[in-house]
Amino acid sequence: MTDEPVGVGPCPRPWPDDPRLDPELLAAGDRRNVLDEYRYWTVDAIVADLDQRRHGFHVAIENWEHDRNIGTVVRTANAFLAREVHIVGRRKWNRRGAMMTDVYQHVRHHATIEDLVAWSTAERLAIIGIDNLPGSVPLESTELTENCVLLFGQEGPGLSPEAHAASEMVCSIAQYGSTRSINAGVAAGIAMHSWIRRWA
């Protein structure tokens, strides 16, 4: 374990002539949890660069009971460069688990599953539910669609009946231990990486 601070200190002068750089960060140092290539960049510049290469999948998660996993889902979506994250249900969500990655990740709100369906239909995106439900197909042997919405339910109850009905298919994640289900944030990471392995 080291007590070394994360990131870099103030940038030596003369400063680079680059409009992407933030003068405050150049002067004070950049201690954010970002890739080295983004050191001293403004948030807007980082988002603009990410937007040039975001992947074709979206992530949606139901938020009826203030699910604490949403922050983790947003952070993982940023790591795998999802096009957008969609919060369905309550607008407010616990951002602590996102570790500030929500400033780099596009997050959209839908009041209901019906609103998400209307949006995804207009965008021609297949909705793929992720849950261990009767009739689901194994994620491990399923080829996910390149342009899709990976939909996750509330921690505990899983996909709501409305979300299940809205899904073109539901994929399950193989488990081998004694627990009945895995954390929604973990399931989201597994599903996103399945997409990455096929399409990235």
N, C-alpha and C. Protein backbone atom coordinates (compact mmCIF):
# COMPACT_ATOMS: atom_id res chain seq x y z
N MET A 1 0.85 -1.18 0.00
CA MET A 1 0.00 0.00 0.00
C MET A 1 0.89 1.24 0.00
N THR A 2 0.59 2.19 -0.86
CA THR A 2 1.41 3.40 -0.94
C THR A 2 0.56 4.63 -0.63
N ASP A 3 1.21 5.63 -0.05
CA ASP A 3 0.53 6.89 0.22
C ASP A 3 0.76 7.90 -0.88
N GLU A 4 1.39 7.46 -1.98
CA GLU A 4 1.64 8.36 -3.10
C GLU A 4 0.32 8.87 -3.65
N PRO A 5 0.21 10.19 -3.89
CA PRO A 5 -1.04 10.72 -4.45
C PRO A 5 -1.28 10.23 -5.86
N VAL A 6 -2.55 10.09 -6.20
CA VAL A 6 -2.92 9.66 -7.54
C VAL A 6 -2.72 10.82 -8.51
N GLY A 7 -2.37 10.51 -9.74
CA GLY A 7 -2.30 11.54 -10.76
C GLY A 7 -0.96 12.25 -10.82
N VAL A 8 -1.02 13.50 -11.24
CA VAL A 8 0.19 14.29 -11.44
C VAL A 8 0.04 15.65 -10.77
N GLY A 9 1.18 16.24 -10.46
CA GLY A 9 1.19 17.56 -9.86
C GLY A 9 1.08 18.65 -10.91
N PRO A 10 1.36 19.89 -10.51
CA PRO A 10 1.28 21.00 -11.46
C PRO A 10 2.17 20.77 -12.68
N CYS A 11 1.72 21.24 -13.81
CA CYS A 11 2.47 21.07 -15.06
C CYS A 11 3.58 22.13 -15.13
N PRO A 12 4.82 21.71 -15.39
CA PRO A 12 5.90 22.69 -15.50
C PRO A 12 5.62 23.69 -16.63
N ARG A 13 6.01 24.91 -16.40
CA ARG A 13 5.90 25.92 -17.45
C ARG A 13 7.13 25.86 -18.35
N PRO A 14 6.99 26.30 -19.60
CA PRO A 14 5.79 26.86 -20.23
C PRO A 14 4.76 25.77 -20.53
N TRP A 15 3.48 26.10 -20.37
CA TRP A 15 2.41 25.14 -20.60
C TRP A 15 2.21 24.90 -22.08
N PRO A 16 1.80 23.67 -22.42
CA PRO A 16 1.50 23.37 -23.83
C PRO A 16 0.37 24.25 -24.35
N ASP A 17 0.44 24.60 -25.61
CA ASP A 17 -0.60 25.39 -26.25
C ASP A 17 -1.63 24.43 -26.84
N ASP A 18 -2.58 24.01 -26.00
CA ASP A 18 -3.56 23.01 -26.40
C ASP A 18 -4.91 23.41 -25.80
N PRO A 19 -5.91 23.70 -26.63
CA PRO A 19 -7.21 24.17 -26.10
C PRO A 19 -7.94 23.12 -25.26
N ARG A 20 -7.51 21.86 -25.31
CA ARG A 20 -8.17 20.82 -24.53
C ARG A 20 -7.75 20.88 -23.05
N LEU A 21 -6.71 21.58 -22.75
CA LEU A 21 -6.16 21.58 -21.40
C LEU A 21 -6.86 22.61 -20.51
N ASP A 22 -6.98 22.27 -19.23
CA ASP A 22 -7.65 23.11 -18.24
C ASP A 22 -6.58 23.88 -17.45
N PRO A 23 -6.59 25.21 -17.54
CA PRO A 23 -5.56 26.00 -16.85
C PRO A 23 -5.52 25.74 -15.34
N GLU A 24 -6.67 25.51 -14.72
CA GLU A 24 -6.69 25.25 -13.27
C GLU A 24 -5.99 23.94 -12.94
N LEU A 25 -6.21 22.92 -13.77
CA LEU A 25 -5.54 21.64 -13.54
C LEU A 25 -4.04 21.75 -13.82
N LEU A 26 -3.68 22.50 -14.85
CA LEU A 26 -2.26 22.70 -15.14
C LEU A 26 -1.55 23.36 -13.96
N ALA A 27 -2.24 24.28 -13.33
CA ALA A 27 -1.63 25.02 -12.23
C ALA A 27 -1.61 24.22 -10.93
N ALA A 28 -2.67 23.49 -10.66
CA ALA A 28 -2.81 22.81 -9.37
C ALA A 28 -2.45 21.33 -9.39
N GLY A 29 -2.44 20.74 -10.57
CA GLY A 29 -2.23 19.30 -10.68
C GLY A 29 -3.53 18.59 -10.99
N ASP A 30 -3.43 17.38 -11.50
CA ASP A 30 -4.62 16.61 -11.90
C ASP A 30 -4.62 15.29 -11.13
N ARG A 31 -5.49 15.21 -10.11
CA ARG A 31 -5.56 14.03 -9.27
C ARG A 31 -6.77 13.16 -9.60
N ARG A 32 -7.39 13.38 -10.75
CA ARG A 32 -8.58 12.61 -11.12
C ARG A 32 -8.21 11.18 -11.53
N ASN A 33 -9.19 10.30 -11.46
CA ASN A 33 -9.01 8.91 -11.87
C ASN A 33 -9.28 8.79 -13.37
N VAL A 34 -8.33 9.31 -14.17
CA VAL A 34 -8.47 9.26 -15.62
C VAL A 34 -7.20 8.65 -16.21
N LEU A 35 -7.29 8.22 -17.46
CA LEU A 35 -6.11 7.71 -18.16
C LEU A 35 -5.05 8.81 -18.26
N ASP A 36 -3.80 8.40 -18.30
CA ASP A 36 -2.71 9.37 -18.39
C ASP A 36 -2.85 10.27 -19.61
N GLU A 37 -3.39 9.73 -20.70
CA GLU A 37 -3.52 10.54 -21.91
C GLU A 37 -4.50 11.70 -21.73
N TYR A 38 -5.35 11.62 -20.70
CA TYR A 38 -6.32 12.69 -20.44
C TYR A 38 -5.89 13.63 -19.31
N ARG A 39 -4.67 13.52 -18.83
CA ARG A 39 -4.20 14.40 -17.77
C ARG A 39 -4.26 15.86 -18.21
N TYR A 40 -4.82 16.66 -17.36
CA TYR A 40 -4.98 18.11 -17.54
C TYR A 40 -6.07 18.48 -18.54
N TRP A 41 -6.72 17.52 -19.16
CA TRP A 41 -7.79 17.84 -20.10
C TRP A 41 -9.03 18.32 -19.34
N THR A 42 -9.82 19.19 -19.96
CA THR A 42 -11.12 19.56 -19.40
C THR A 42 -12.07 18.39 -19.52
N VAL A 43 -13.12 18.38 -18.71
CA VAL A 43 -14.14 17.33 -18.80
C VAL A 43 -14.77 17.33 -20.19
N ASP A 44 -15.10 18.51 -20.70
CA ASP A 44 -15.73 18.60 -22.02
C ASP A 44 -14.84 18.01 -23.11
N ALA A 45 -13.54 18.25 -23.02
CA ALA A 45 -12.62 17.71 -24.02
C ALA A 45 -12.55 16.19 -23.94
N ILE A 46 -12.56 15.66 -22.72
CA ILE A 46 -12.54 14.19 -22.56
C ILE A 46 -13.81 13.58 -23.14
N VAL A 47 -14.97 14.16 -22.81
CA VAL A 47 -16.23 13.64 -23.32
C VAL A 47 -16.25 13.69 -24.84
N ALA A 48 -15.80 14.79 -25.42
CA ALA A 48 -15.78 14.92 -26.88
C ALA A 48 -14.90 13.86 -27.52
N ASP A 49 -13.77 13.55 -26.89
CA ASP A 49 -12.89 12.52 -27.43
C ASP A 49 -13.53 11.15 -27.32
N LEU A 50 -14.15 10.86 -26.17
CA LEU A 50 -14.84 9.57 -26.01
C LEU A 50 -15.98 9.43 -27.00
N ASP A 51 -16.67 10.53 -27.29
CA ASP A 51 -17.81 10.48 -28.20
C ASP A 51 -17.40 10.07 -29.61
N GLN A 52 -16.14 10.24 -29.95
CA GLN A 52 -15.67 9.87 -31.28
C GLN A 52 -15.57 8.36 -31.47
N ARG A 53 -15.60 7.62 -30.34
CA ARG A 53 -15.37 6.17 -30.46
C ARG A 53 -16.22 5.32 -29.54
N ARG A 54 -17.35 5.86 -29.09
CA ARG A 54 -18.23 5.07 -28.22
C ARG A 54 -18.77 3.85 -28.97
N HIS A 55 -19.04 2.80 -28.21
CA HIS A 55 -19.54 1.55 -28.80
C HIS A 55 -21.03 1.61 -29.08
N GLY A 56 -21.54 0.57 -29.74
CA GLY A 56 -22.92 0.56 -30.19
C GLY A 56 -23.93 0.06 -29.17
N PHE A 57 -23.48 -0.30 -27.98
CA PHE A 57 -24.43 -0.79 -26.99
C PHE A 57 -24.77 0.28 -25.96
N HIS A 58 -26.00 0.22 -25.48
CA HIS A 58 -26.48 1.07 -24.39
C HIS A 58 -26.76 0.17 -23.19
N VAL A 59 -26.81 0.77 -22.02
CA VAL A 59 -27.14 0.05 -20.80
C VAL A 59 -28.32 0.73 -20.14
N ALA A 60 -29.31 -0.04 -19.73
CA ALA A 60 -30.47 0.51 -19.02
C ALA A 60 -30.65 -0.26 -17.73
N ILE A 61 -31.03 0.46 -16.67
CA ILE A 61 -31.28 -0.20 -15.40
C ILE A 61 -32.51 0.42 -14.74
N GLU A 62 -33.34 -0.46 -14.21
CA GLU A 62 -34.55 0.01 -13.52
C GLU A 62 -34.19 0.58 -12.15
N ASN A 63 -34.88 1.65 -11.78
CA ASN A 63 -34.59 2.34 -10.53
C ASN A 63 -35.90 2.67 -9.81
N TRP A 64 -36.52 1.66 -9.26
CA TRP A 64 -37.79 1.85 -8.55
C TRP A 64 -37.60 2.01 -7.05
N GLU A 65 -36.48 1.52 -6.53
CA GLU A 65 -36.26 1.52 -5.07
C GLU A 65 -34.91 2.13 -4.70
N HIS A 66 -34.47 3.10 -5.47
CA HIS A 66 -33.17 3.75 -5.23
C HIS A 66 -32.05 2.72 -5.17
N ASP A 67 -31.88 1.98 -6.23
CA ASP A 67 -30.88 0.92 -6.30
C ASP A 67 -29.47 1.50 -6.16
N ARG A 68 -28.71 1.00 -5.20
CA ARG A 68 -27.35 1.49 -4.97
C ARG A 68 -26.35 0.95 -5.99
N ASN A 69 -26.77 0.02 -6.82
CA ASN A 69 -25.87 -0.54 -7.83
C ASN A 69 -25.73 0.35 -9.06
N ILE A 70 -26.59 1.34 -9.20
CA ILE A 70 -26.59 2.14 -10.42
C ILE A 70 -25.25 2.85 -10.61
N GLY A 71 -24.66 3.36 -9.54
CA GLY A 71 -23.36 4.00 -9.66
C GLY A 71 -22.31 3.06 -10.22
N THR A 72 -22.32 1.82 -9.76
CA THR A 72 -21.38 0.82 -10.27
C THR A 72 -21.63 0.54 -11.74
N VAL A 73 -22.90 0.47 -12.13
CA VAL A 73 -23.24 0.23 -13.53
C VAL A 73 -22.73 1.38 -14.40
N VAL A 74 -22.90 2.61 -13.94
CA VAL A 74 -22.43 3.77 -14.70
C VAL A 74 -20.91 3.74 -14.83
N ARG A 75 -20.23 3.43 -13.73
CA ARG A 75 -18.76 3.37 -13.77
C ARG A 75 -18.28 2.29 -14.75
N THR A 76 -18.92 1.15 -14.74
CA THR A 76 -18.53 0.06 -15.64
C THR A 76 -18.87 0.42 -17.08
N ALA A 77 -20.00 1.07 -17.30
CA ALA A 77 -20.38 1.50 -18.65
C ALA A 77 -19.35 2.48 -19.20
N ASN A 78 -18.82 3.35 -18.34
CA ASN A 78 -17.76 4.26 -18.77
C ASN A 78 -16.50 3.48 -19.13
N ALA A 79 -16.16 2.47 -18.32
CA ALA A 79 -14.95 1.67 -18.58
C ALA A 79 -15.03 0.95 -19.91
N PHE A 80 -16.23 0.46 -20.27
CA PHE A 80 -16.40 -0.27 -21.52
C PHE A 80 -16.92 0.62 -22.65
N LEU A 81 -17.02 1.92 -22.40
CA LEU A 81 -17.37 2.93 -23.40
C LEU A 81 -18.74 2.68 -24.03
N ALA A 82 -19.74 2.50 -23.17
CA ALA A 82 -21.12 2.37 -23.65
C ALA A 82 -21.57 3.69 -24.29
N ARG A 83 -22.47 3.59 -25.23
CA ARG A 83 -22.99 4.79 -25.88
C ARG A 83 -23.71 5.68 -24.85
N GLU A 84 -24.63 5.09 -24.09
CA GLU A 84 -25.36 5.82 -23.06
C GLU A 84 -25.80 4.86 -21.96
N VAL A 85 -26.06 5.43 -20.79
CA VAL A 85 -26.72 4.70 -19.72
C VAL A 85 -28.11 5.29 -19.54
N HIS A 86 -29.10 4.41 -19.39
CA HIS A 86 -30.50 4.84 -19.25
C HIS A 86 -31.01 4.43 -17.88
N ILE A 87 -31.49 5.39 -17.13
CA ILE A 87 -32.08 5.14 -15.82
C ILE A 87 -33.59 5.14 -16.01
N VAL A 88 -34.24 4.03 -15.67
CA VAL A 88 -35.69 3.89 -15.86
C VAL A 88 -36.38 3.92 -14.50
N GLY A 89 -37.28 4.86 -14.31
CA GLY A 89 -38.00 4.95 -13.04
C GLY A 89 -37.65 6.24 -12.33
N ARG A 90 -37.19 6.15 -11.10
CA ARG A 90 -36.84 7.35 -10.33
C ARG A 90 -35.67 8.08 -10.99
N ARG A 91 -35.78 9.40 -11.03
CA ARG A 91 -34.71 10.18 -11.65
C ARG A 91 -33.46 10.22 -10.77
N LYS A 92 -33.66 10.32 -9.45
CA LYS A 92 -32.52 10.40 -8.55
C LYS A 92 -31.90 9.02 -8.34
N TRP A 93 -30.59 8.97 -8.31
CA TRP A 93 -29.88 7.73 -8.05
C TRP A 93 -28.61 8.03 -7.28
N ASN A 94 -28.10 7.04 -6.58
CA ASN A 94 -26.92 7.21 -5.72
C ASN A 94 -25.66 7.24 -6.59
N ARG A 95 -25.03 8.41 -6.67
CA ARG A 95 -23.88 8.58 -7.55
C ARG A 95 -22.55 8.17 -6.92
N ARG A 96 -22.56 7.81 -5.65
CA ARG A 96 -21.30 7.50 -4.98
C ARG A 96 -20.51 6.40 -5.70
N GLY A 97 -21.19 5.33 -6.09
CA GLY A 97 -20.49 4.22 -6.75
C GLY A 97 -19.95 4.56 -8.11
N ALA A 98 -20.43 5.64 -8.72
CA ALA A 98 -19.94 6.04 -10.05
C ALA A 98 -18.54 6.62 -9.99
N MET A 99 -18.10 7.06 -8.81
CA MET A 99 -16.75 7.62 -8.63
C MET A 99 -16.45 8.72 -9.66
N MET A 100 -17.43 9.58 -9.87
CA MET A 100 -17.30 10.74 -10.77
C MET A 100 -17.27 10.39 -12.25
N THR A 101 -17.41 9.10 -12.59
CA THR A 101 -17.39 8.75 -14.01
C THR A 101 -18.65 9.21 -14.74
N ASP A 102 -19.71 9.56 -13.98
CA ASP A 102 -20.93 10.02 -14.63
C ASP A 102 -20.73 11.34 -15.37
N VAL A 103 -19.67 12.08 -15.05
CA VAL A 103 -19.43 13.33 -15.79
C VAL A 103 -18.90 13.05 -17.19
N TYR A 104 -18.37 11.85 -17.41
CA TYR A 104 -17.85 11.47 -18.73
C TYR A 104 -18.81 10.58 -19.51
N GLN A 105 -19.85 10.12 -18.86
CA GLN A 105 -20.77 9.14 -19.45
C GLN A 105 -22.14 9.78 -19.67
N HIS A 106 -22.69 9.65 -20.87
CA HIS A 106 -24.02 10.18 -21.14
C HIS A 106 -25.06 9.34 -20.39
N VAL A 107 -25.88 10.00 -19.59
CA VAL A 107 -26.92 9.33 -18.81
C VAL A 107 -28.26 9.95 -19.16
N ARG A 108 -29.21 9.10 -19.55
CA ARG A 108 -30.54 9.56 -19.96
C ARG A 108 -31.59 8.96 -19.02
N HIS A 109 -32.64 9.70 -18.76
CA HIS A 109 -33.69 9.23 -17.87
C HIS A 109 -34.97 8.93 -18.64
N HIS A 110 -35.63 7.83 -18.27
CA HIS A 110 -36.96 7.46 -18.80
C HIS A 110 -37.86 7.20 -17.60
N ALA A 111 -39.02 7.81 -17.59
CA ALA A 111 -39.91 7.65 -16.44
C ALA A 111 -40.46 6.23 -16.33
N THR A 112 -40.66 5.58 -17.47
CA THR A 112 -41.27 4.25 -17.48
C THR A 112 -40.56 3.35 -18.48
N ILE A 113 -40.82 2.05 -18.36
CA ILE A 113 -40.32 1.10 -19.36
C ILE A 113 -40.90 1.43 -20.73
N GLU A 114 -42.16 1.85 -20.76
CA GLU A 114 -42.79 2.20 -22.04
C GLU A 114 -42.03 3.33 -22.73
N ASP A 115 -41.55 4.29 -21.94
CA ASP A 115 -40.76 5.38 -22.52
C ASP A 115 -39.44 4.85 -23.11
N LEU A 116 -38.81 3.93 -22.40
CA LEU A 116 -37.57 3.33 -22.91
C LEU A 116 -37.84 2.58 -24.21
N VAL A 117 -38.93 1.83 -24.24
CA VAL A 117 -39.28 1.07 -25.44
C VAL A 117 -39.52 2.01 -26.62
N ALA A 118 -40.25 3.10 -26.39
CA ALA A 118 -40.52 4.05 -27.47
C ALA A 118 -39.22 4.64 -28.00
N TRP A 119 -38.32 4.97 -27.09
CA TRP A 119 -37.04 5.54 -27.51
C TRP A 119 -36.21 4.51 -28.28
N SER A 120 -36.10 3.31 -27.76
CA SER A 120 -35.27 2.29 -28.42
C SER A 120 -35.86 1.88 -29.76
N THR A 121 -37.18 1.87 -29.87
CA THR A 121 -37.82 1.57 -31.16
C THR A 121 -37.47 2.63 -32.19
N ALA A 122 -37.54 3.88 -31.78
CA ALA A 122 -37.20 4.98 -32.69
C ALA A 122 -35.74 4.91 -33.12
N GLU A 123 -34.87 4.43 -32.22
CA GLU A 123 -33.44 4.32 -32.52
C GLU A 123 -33.08 2.99 -33.17
N ARG A 124 -34.07 2.11 -33.34
CA ARG A 124 -33.86 0.78 -33.93
C ARG A 124 -32.85 -0.05 -33.13
N LEU A 125 -33.04 -0.05 -31.84
CA LEU A 125 -32.17 -0.80 -30.94
C LEU A 125 -32.96 -1.93 -30.28
N ALA A 126 -32.41 -3.12 -30.33
CA ALA A 126 -33.02 -4.27 -29.66
C ALA A 126 -32.80 -4.16 -28.16
N ILE A 127 -33.84 -4.46 -27.38
CA ILE A 127 -33.70 -4.51 -25.93
C ILE A 127 -33.44 -5.95 -25.51
N ILE A 128 -32.32 -6.15 -24.84
CA ILE A 128 -31.93 -7.48 -24.37
C ILE A 128 -31.90 -7.47 -22.85
N GLY A 129 -32.82 -8.20 -22.23
CA GLY A 129 -32.86 -8.28 -20.78
C GLY A 129 -31.78 -9.22 -20.27
N ILE A 130 -31.27 -8.92 -19.10
CA ILE A 130 -30.29 -9.80 -18.45
C ILE A 130 -30.85 -10.20 -17.10
N ASP A 131 -31.22 -11.49 -16.98
CA ASP A 131 -31.80 -12.00 -15.73
C ASP A 131 -31.90 -13.51 -15.82
N ASN A 132 -31.86 -14.17 -14.69
CA ASN A 132 -32.01 -15.63 -14.65
C ASN A 132 -33.49 -15.98 -14.51
N LEU A 133 -34.22 -15.83 -15.59
CA LEU A 133 -35.66 -16.09 -15.60
C LEU A 133 -35.97 -17.33 -16.40
N PRO A 134 -37.10 -17.99 -16.12
CA PRO A 134 -37.50 -19.12 -16.95
C PRO A 134 -37.59 -18.71 -18.42
N GLY A 135 -37.02 -19.52 -19.29
CA GLY A 135 -37.04 -19.21 -20.72
C GLY A 135 -35.87 -18.38 -21.20
N SER A 136 -35.01 -17.95 -20.29
CA SER A 136 -33.85 -17.16 -20.70
C SER A 136 -32.84 -18.06 -21.40
N VAL A 137 -31.99 -17.43 -22.22
CA VAL A 137 -30.96 -18.17 -22.96
C VAL A 137 -29.60 -17.85 -22.36
N PRO A 138 -28.67 -18.80 -22.39
CA PRO A 138 -27.36 -18.56 -21.75
C PRO A 138 -26.59 -17.44 -22.46
N LEU A 139 -26.16 -16.45 -21.69
CA LEU A 139 -25.36 -15.37 -22.25
C LEU A 139 -24.08 -15.90 -22.87
N GLU A 140 -23.53 -16.94 -22.27
CA GLU A 140 -22.24 -17.46 -22.71
C GLU A 140 -22.27 -18.01 -24.13
N SER A 141 -23.42 -18.46 -24.59
CA SER A 141 -23.52 -19.03 -25.94
C SER A 141 -24.42 -18.21 -26.85
N THR A 142 -24.68 -16.96 -26.47
CA THR A 142 -25.56 -16.09 -27.25
C THR A 142 -24.75 -14.95 -27.84
N GLU A 143 -24.95 -14.68 -29.13
CA GLU A 143 -24.28 -13.54 -29.76
C GLU A 143 -25.17 -12.32 -29.60
N LEU A 144 -24.72 -11.35 -28.84
CA LEU A 144 -25.47 -10.13 -28.63
C LEU A 144 -25.49 -9.29 -29.89
N THR A 145 -26.57 -8.58 -30.10
CA THR A 145 -26.70 -7.69 -31.25
C THR A 145 -25.72 -6.53 -31.11
N GLU A 146 -25.16 -6.08 -32.24
CA GLU A 146 -24.16 -5.01 -32.18
C GLU A 146 -24.75 -3.72 -31.62
N ASN A 147 -25.93 -3.36 -32.07
CA ASN A 147 -26.59 -2.14 -31.60
C ASN A 147 -27.78 -2.55 -30.74
N CYS A 148 -27.63 -2.39 -29.43
CA CYS A 148 -28.65 -2.92 -28.53
C CYS A 148 -28.68 -2.14 -27.22
N VAL A 149 -29.70 -2.43 -26.43
CA VAL A 149 -29.81 -1.93 -25.07
C VAL A 149 -29.79 -3.13 -24.14
N LEU A 150 -28.80 -3.20 -23.27
CA LEU A 150 -28.74 -4.25 -22.26
C LEU A 150 -29.51 -3.76 -21.05
N LEU A 151 -30.60 -4.45 -20.72
CA LEU A 151 -31.53 -3.98 -19.69
C LEU A 151 -31.41 -4.84 -18.43
N PHE A 152 -31.23 -4.16 -17.30
CA PHE A 152 -31.07 -4.82 -16.01
C PHE A 152 -32.17 -4.38 -15.07
N GLY A 153 -32.59 -5.30 -14.23
CA GLY A 153 -33.65 -5.01 -13.28
C GLY A 153 -33.11 -4.48 -11.97
N GLN A 154 -34.05 -4.23 -11.08
CA GLN A 154 -33.74 -3.78 -9.73
C GLN A 154 -32.99 -4.86 -8.97
N GLU A 155 -32.02 -4.48 -8.16
CA GLU A 155 -31.34 -5.45 -7.30
C GLU A 155 -32.36 -6.16 -6.42
N GLY A 156 -32.35 -7.46 -6.43
CA GLY A 156 -33.31 -8.24 -5.63
C GLY A 156 -34.37 -8.85 -6.53
N PRO A 157 -35.40 -8.07 -6.89
CA PRO A 157 -36.47 -8.65 -7.70
C PRO A 157 -36.09 -8.89 -9.16
N GLY A 158 -35.04 -8.25 -9.64
CA GLY A 158 -34.65 -8.43 -11.04
C GLY A 158 -35.54 -7.65 -11.98
N LEU A 159 -35.61 -8.10 -13.22
CA LEU A 159 -36.43 -7.40 -14.22
C LEU A 159 -37.89 -7.37 -13.78
N SER A 160 -38.52 -6.21 -13.91
CA SER A 160 -39.95 -6.12 -13.64
C SER A 160 -40.71 -6.86 -14.75
N PRO A 161 -41.97 -7.23 -14.51
CA PRO A 161 -42.76 -7.87 -15.57
C PRO A 161 -42.81 -7.02 -16.84
N GLU A 162 -42.87 -5.70 -16.68
CA GLU A 162 -42.91 -4.81 -17.85
C GLU A 162 -41.59 -4.85 -18.63
N ALA A 163 -40.48 -4.88 -17.89
CA ALA A 163 -39.17 -4.95 -18.54
C ALA A 163 -38.98 -6.30 -19.23
N HIS A 164 -39.44 -7.35 -18.57
CA HIS A 164 -39.35 -8.69 -19.17
C HIS A 164 -40.12 -8.72 -20.49
N ALA A 165 -41.34 -8.19 -20.46
CA ALA A 165 -42.17 -8.19 -21.67
C ALA A 165 -41.58 -7.33 -22.77
N ALA A 166 -40.85 -6.27 -22.40
CA ALA A 166 -40.27 -5.36 -23.39
C ALA A 166 -39.01 -5.93 -24.05
N SER A 167 -38.42 -6.95 -23.46
CA SER A 167 -37.16 -7.50 -23.96
C SER A 167 -37.40 -8.44 -25.13
N GLU A 168 -36.62 -8.25 -26.18
CA GLU A 168 -36.71 -9.15 -27.33
C GLU A 168 -36.21 -10.54 -26.96
N MET A 169 -35.25 -10.60 -26.06
CA MET A 169 -34.83 -11.86 -25.47
C MET A 169 -34.22 -11.55 -24.12
N VAL A 170 -34.15 -12.57 -23.27
CA VAL A 170 -33.54 -12.43 -21.95
C VAL A 170 -32.39 -13.43 -21.86
N CYS A 171 -31.23 -12.94 -21.45
CA CYS A 171 -30.06 -13.78 -21.31
C CYS A 171 -29.75 -14.01 -19.83
N SER A 172 -29.40 -15.22 -19.50
CA SER A 172 -29.01 -15.57 -18.13
C SER A 172 -27.50 -15.71 -18.05
N ILE A 173 -26.97 -15.52 -16.85
CA ILE A 173 -25.53 -15.67 -16.61
C ILE A 173 -25.32 -16.93 -15.79
N ALA A 174 -24.50 -17.84 -16.30
CA ALA A 174 -24.26 -19.12 -15.62
C ALA A 174 -23.65 -18.89 -14.25
N GLN A 175 -24.17 -19.59 -13.25
CA GLN A 175 -23.65 -19.53 -11.88
C GLN A 175 -23.45 -20.95 -11.37
N TYR A 176 -22.47 -21.12 -10.49
CA TYR A 176 -22.10 -22.47 -10.07
C TYR A 176 -22.06 -22.65 -8.56
N GLY A 177 -22.34 -21.62 -7.82
CA GLY A 177 -22.31 -21.72 -6.38
C GLY A 177 -23.69 -21.87 -5.79
N SER A 178 -23.85 -21.48 -4.53
CA SER A 178 -25.11 -21.69 -3.82
C SER A 178 -26.07 -20.51 -3.90
N THR A 179 -25.56 -19.33 -4.28
CA THR A 179 -26.43 -18.17 -4.29
C THR A 179 -27.38 -18.20 -5.48
N ARG A 180 -28.56 -17.65 -5.28
CA ARG A 180 -29.59 -17.67 -6.32
C ARG A 180 -29.33 -16.63 -7.40
N SER A 181 -28.70 -15.53 -7.02
CA SER A 181 -28.47 -14.46 -8.00
C SER A 181 -27.19 -13.72 -7.65
N ILE A 182 -26.71 -12.92 -8.60
CA ILE A 182 -25.52 -12.11 -8.35
C ILE A 182 -25.91 -10.63 -8.37
N ASN A 183 -25.04 -9.84 -7.81
CA ASN A 183 -25.23 -8.40 -7.73
C ASN A 183 -25.49 -7.81 -9.11
N ALA A 184 -26.43 -6.86 -9.18
CA ALA A 184 -26.79 -6.26 -10.48
C ALA A 184 -25.61 -5.56 -11.12
N GLY A 185 -24.76 -4.93 -10.30
CA GLY A 185 -23.58 -4.27 -10.85
C GLY A 185 -22.61 -5.26 -11.47
N VAL A 186 -22.44 -6.42 -10.82
CA VAL A 186 -21.58 -7.46 -11.35
C VAL A 186 -22.16 -8.04 -12.64
N ALA A 187 -23.46 -8.31 -12.62
CA ALA A 187 -24.12 -8.85 -13.82
C ALA A 187 -23.96 -7.90 -15.00
N ALA A 188 -24.08 -6.61 -14.74
CA ALA A 188 -23.93 -5.62 -15.82
C ALA A 188 -22.52 -5.67 -16.40
N GLY A 189 -21.52 -5.79 -15.53
CA GLY A 189 -20.15 -5.86 -16.01
C GLY A 189 -19.90 -7.10 -16.86
N ILE A 190 -20.45 -8.23 -16.45
CA ILE A 190 -20.29 -9.47 -17.22
C ILE A 190 -20.94 -9.32 -18.59
N ALA A 191 -22.16 -8.78 -18.63
CA ALA A 191 -22.87 -8.64 -19.90
C ALA A 191 -22.17 -7.66 -20.83
N MET A 192 -21.71 -6.55 -20.28
CA MET A 192 -21.00 -5.58 -21.11
C MET A 192 -19.73 -6.19 -21.70
N HIS A 193 -19.02 -6.95 -20.88
CA HIS A 193 -17.79 -7.55 -21.39
C HIS A 193 -18.08 -8.61 -22.44
N SER A 194 -19.22 -9.28 -22.34
CA SER A 194 -19.62 -10.23 -23.39
C SER A 194 -19.80 -9.50 -24.71
N TRP A 195 -20.42 -8.32 -24.65
CA TRP A 195 -20.56 -7.51 -25.88
C TRP A 195 -19.20 -7.10 -26.40
N ILE A 196 -18.32 -6.65 -25.49
CA ILE A 196 -16.98 -6.21 -25.88
C ILE A 196 -16.21 -7.32 -26.57
N ARG A 197 -16.28 -8.53 -26.04
CA ARG A 197 -15.54 -9.65 -26.63
C ARG A 197 -15.98 -9.95 -28.05
N ARG A 198 -17.24 -9.70 -28.36
CA ARG A 198 -17.74 -9.97 -29.70
C ARG A 198 -17.51 -8.80 -30.66
N TRP A 199 -17.72 -7.58 -30.20
CA TRP A 199 -17.79 -6.46 -31.14
C TRP A 199 -16.68 -5.44 -31.06
N ALA A 200 -15.94 -5.41 -29.95
CA ALA A 200 -14.91 -4.35 -29.83
C ALA A 200 -13.60 -4.84 -30.46
